[in-house]
Amino acid sequence: MPKIAEIDDTPNPNAVKFTLHEPLTWGVSHSYESAEQAQGDALASALFAIAHVSNVFYVDRWLTVTQDGGADWPELVRLIAVPLRAAPAAAAQSAATVFAARASIDDMSEEDQARLDVISDLLDERIRPSLQADGGDLHLVGLSGNYLSIHYQGACGSCPSSISGTLAAIQNLVRTIEPDLAVVAV
């Protein structure tokens, strides 16, 4: 059962980040925008059962919950803490579960996969640490020609700055290695 180490506000006023003493996963991120998407994930389903929860994102030692703006944060945090503390820690996960949960982008040429790997490494180094510090992340959805599709996760998913300033910063960064690349948030 993970114990909560810290609870932090994020730049998104509708999202709060919980930092934990034990990891929930071994590097596999879980991102849900609805209760329907969360079916089969006991922790996320329990969190979506709480009124006003609109997004759940967790990986390793942290979890971000976004609300619809209609709840009082101190009360909502107390409600979120109950299923979070009851969730099994990553130590309880089998290696097969972890590897089965890792997603890959299908139907991509070796050349595009190599391009995507370089882009991903750059984002890992320069962008993701900042997003993760604020309770969010981004998922690379695909690469088609000169279009890189990304999906914001956690606090970044509904944060106004992710669609404007952050998206422009990501595009400017990836253009240092591919000048004609356009980044699209999906």
Protein backbone atom coordinates (compact mmCIF):
# COMPACT_ATOMS: atom_id res chain seq x y z
CA MET A 1 0.00 0.00 0.00
CA PRO A 2 1.62 3.24 -1.11
CA LYS A 3 1.96 5.94 1.47
CA ILE A 4 1.62 9.56 0.42
CA ALA A 5 4.83 11.58 0.80
CA GLU A 6 3.64 14.94 -0.57
CA ILE A 7 0.60 16.59 -2.10
CA ASP A 8 1.40 19.47 -4.45
CA ASP A 9 -0.54 21.97 -6.49
CA THR A 10 0.26 22.04 -10.20
CA PRO A 11 0.20 24.92 -12.69
CA ASN A 12 -3.23 23.58 -13.67
CA PRO A 13 -5.61 24.82 -10.94
CA ASN A 14 -7.82 21.78 -11.50
CA ALA A 15 -5.06 19.21 -10.91
CA VAL A 16 -3.16 18.01 -7.84
CA LYS A 17 -0.04 15.80 -7.79
CA PHE A 18 0.48 13.11 -5.14
CA THR A 19 4.08 11.96 -4.61
CA LEU A 20 4.36 8.52 -3.00
CA HIS A 21 6.93 6.65 -0.93
CA GLU A 22 6.46 3.44 -2.96
CA PRO A 23 5.96 3.19 -6.73
CA LEU A 24 2.57 2.25 -8.16
CA THR A 25 4.15 0.97 -11.39
CA TRP A 26 7.55 0.12 -12.81
CA GLY A 27 7.74 2.74 -15.54
CA VAL A 28 4.37 1.99 -17.12
CA SER A 29 2.17 5.09 -17.24
CA HIS A 30 -1.59 4.90 -16.85
CA SER A 31 -3.62 7.79 -18.24
CA TYR A 32 -7.42 7.93 -18.28
CA GLU A 33 -9.80 10.68 -19.32
CA SER A 34 -12.98 8.89 -18.26
CA ALA A 35 -14.33 6.10 -16.09
CA GLU A 36 -14.99 4.08 -19.24
CA GLN A 37 -11.31 4.24 -20.22
CA ALA A 38 -10.33 3.20 -16.69
CA GLN A 39 -12.30 -0.05 -16.69
CA GLY A 40 -10.00 -2.85 -15.65
CA ASP A 41 -7.77 -0.54 -13.57
CA ALA A 42 -8.92 -0.85 -9.96
CA LEU A 43 -7.18 2.29 -8.71
CA ALA A 44 -8.34 4.55 -11.55
CA SER A 45 -11.89 3.14 -11.37
CA ALA A 46 -12.02 3.86 -7.63
CA LEU A 47 -10.83 7.41 -8.24
CA PHE A 48 -13.38 8.03 -11.01
CA ALA A 49 -16.09 6.85 -8.59
CA ILE A 50 -15.37 10.03 -6.61
CA ALA A 51 -17.53 12.95 -7.72
CA HIS A 52 -15.79 15.62 -9.82
CA VAL A 53 -12.74 13.49 -10.78
CA SER A 54 -12.24 14.01 -14.54
CA ASN A 55 -8.74 12.64 -15.25
CA VAL A 56 -6.34 10.18 -13.62
CA PHE A 57 -2.67 9.81 -14.53
CA TYR A 58 -0.05 7.81 -12.67
CA VAL A 59 3.39 6.38 -13.16
CA ASP A 60 6.06 5.15 -10.76
CA ARG A 61 5.94 7.21 -7.52
CA TRP A 62 3.35 9.81 -8.42
CA LEU A 63 -0.28 10.26 -9.34
CA THR A 64 -2.10 13.30 -10.69
CA VAL A 65 -5.83 13.74 -10.38
CA THR A 66 -7.72 16.41 -12.30
CA GLN A 67 -11.17 17.57 -11.28
CA ASP A 68 -13.93 19.30 -13.21
CA GLY A 69 -13.67 22.51 -11.16
CA GLY A 70 -16.73 21.81 -9.04
CA ALA A 71 -15.05 20.38 -5.93
CA ASP A 72 -13.28 21.83 -2.92
CA TRP A 73 -9.66 20.58 -3.11
CA PRO A 74 -9.10 19.88 0.62
CA GLU A 75 -12.20 17.68 0.73
CA LEU A 76 -11.42 16.01 -2.61
CA VAL A 77 -7.83 15.25 -1.53
CA ARG A 78 -9.11 13.40 1.56
CA LEU A 79 -11.40 11.30 -0.62
CA ILE A 80 -8.65 10.53 -3.14
CA ALA A 81 -6.26 9.44 -0.38
CA VAL A 82 -8.45 6.47 0.60
CA PRO A 83 -8.22 4.40 -2.63
CA LEU A 84 -4.68 5.61 -3.23
CA ARG A 85 -3.49 4.25 0.11
CA ALA A 86 -5.34 0.97 -0.56
CA ALA A 87 -3.75 0.45 -4.00
CA PRO A 88 -1.10 -2.24 -4.33
CA ALA A 89 2.47 -1.04 -4.70
CA ALA A 90 4.47 -1.95 -7.79
CA ALA A 91 6.28 -4.65 -5.83
CA ALA A 92 3.04 -6.65 -6.08
CA GLN A 93 3.09 -6.52 -9.90
CA SER A 94 4.52 -9.40 -11.86
CA ALA A 95 7.04 -8.84 -14.63
CA ALA A 96 4.54 -10.26 -17.14
CA THR A 97 1.98 -7.60 -16.18
CA VAL A 98 4.53 -4.83 -16.62
CA PHE A 99 5.72 -6.01 -20.04
CA ALA A 100 2.16 -6.65 -21.26
CA ALA A 101 1.23 -3.05 -20.40
CA ARG A 102 4.01 -1.48 -22.45
CA ALA A 103 2.52 -0.08 -25.65
CA SER A 104 4.27 0.23 -28.97
CA ILE A 105 3.44 2.18 -32.06
CA ASP A 106 2.40 -0.29 -34.75
CA ASP A 107 2.78 -0.14 -38.51
CA MET A 108 5.71 2.27 -38.47
CA SER A 109 8.63 1.94 -40.86
CA GLU A 110 12.08 1.34 -39.39
CA GLU A 111 13.13 4.79 -40.62
CA ASP A 112 10.18 6.51 -38.88
CA GLN A 113 10.77 4.45 -35.73
CA ALA A 114 14.40 5.62 -35.70
CA ARG A 115 13.24 9.24 -36.12
CA LEU A 116 10.71 8.81 -33.33
CA ASP A 117 13.37 7.30 -31.04
CA VAL A 118 15.61 10.36 -31.51
CA ILE A 119 12.68 12.70 -30.85
CA SER A 120 11.64 10.70 -27.79
CA ASP A 121 15.17 10.84 -26.36
CA LEU A 122 15.23 14.61 -26.83
CA LEU A 123 11.84 14.98 -25.13
CA ASP A 124 12.98 12.66 -22.30
CA GLU A 125 15.96 14.92 -21.71
CA ARG A 126 14.48 18.39 -22.17
CA ILE A 127 10.67 18.38 -21.84
CA ARG A 128 9.33 15.45 -19.84
CA PRO A 129 11.15 16.26 -16.57
CA SER A 130 9.39 19.64 -16.40
CA LEU A 131 6.00 18.20 -17.31
CA GLN A 132 6.41 15.40 -14.77
CA ALA A 133 7.46 17.84 -12.04
CA ASP A 134 4.12 19.57 -12.62
CA GLY A 135 2.09 16.34 -12.48
CA GLY A 136 1.81 15.63 -16.19
CA ASP A 137 3.56 14.08 -19.14
CA LEU A 138 3.15 13.54 -22.85
CA HIS A 139 2.69 10.42 -24.90
CA LEU A 140 4.00 10.16 -28.46
CA VAL A 141 0.99 9.01 -30.47
CA GLY A 142 2.64 8.77 -33.85
CA LEU A 143 4.82 10.19 -36.55
CA SER A 144 3.49 10.55 -40.07
CA GLY A 145 5.58 12.42 -42.60
CA ASN A 146 6.33 15.79 -41.04
CA TYR A 147 3.64 15.57 -38.35
CA LEU A 148 4.38 14.42 -34.80
CA SER A 149 1.23 13.68 -32.81
CA ILE A 150 1.42 13.95 -29.04
CA HIS A 151 -1.13 13.50 -26.28
CA TYR A 152 -0.82 15.40 -23.01
CA GLN A 153 -1.37 13.38 -19.85
CA GLY A 154 -2.24 14.19 -16.24
CA ALA A 155 -2.26 17.83 -15.22
CA CYS A 156 -1.06 18.84 -18.69
CA GLY A 157 -4.16 17.39 -20.36
CA SER A 158 -6.42 20.27 -19.39
CA CYS A 159 -3.89 22.98 -18.60
CA PRO A 160 -4.28 26.10 -20.75
CA SER A 161 -0.52 26.58 -21.10
CA SER A 162 -0.01 23.09 -22.57
CA ILE A 163 -1.95 23.97 -25.71
CA SER A 164 -0.16 27.26 -26.25
CA GLY A 165 3.28 27.85 -24.77
CA THR A 166 4.28 24.26 -24.05
CA LEU A 167 3.23 23.02 -27.49
CA ALA A 168 5.23 25.83 -29.15
CA ALA A 169 8.27 24.99 -26.99
CA ILE A 170 8.04 21.31 -27.95
CA GLN A 171 7.74 22.17 -31.63
CA ASN A 172 10.71 24.57 -31.45
CA LEU A 173 12.79 21.91 -29.70
CA VAL A 174 12.04 19.09 -32.15
CA ARG A 175 12.70 21.45 -35.05
CA THR A 176 16.33 21.65 -33.87
CA ILE A 177 16.68 18.10 -35.24
CA GLU A 178 13.95 18.14 -37.94
CA PRO A 179 13.30 21.71 -39.15
CA ASP A 180 10.08 20.90 -41.03
CA LEU A 181 8.37 18.93 -38.25
CA ALA A 182 4.98 20.12 -37.01
CA VAL A 183 3.74 19.04 -33.58
CA VAL A 184 0.03 18.41 -33.13
CA ALA A 185 -1.69 17.78 -29.78
CA VAL A 186 -4.42 15.13 -30.06
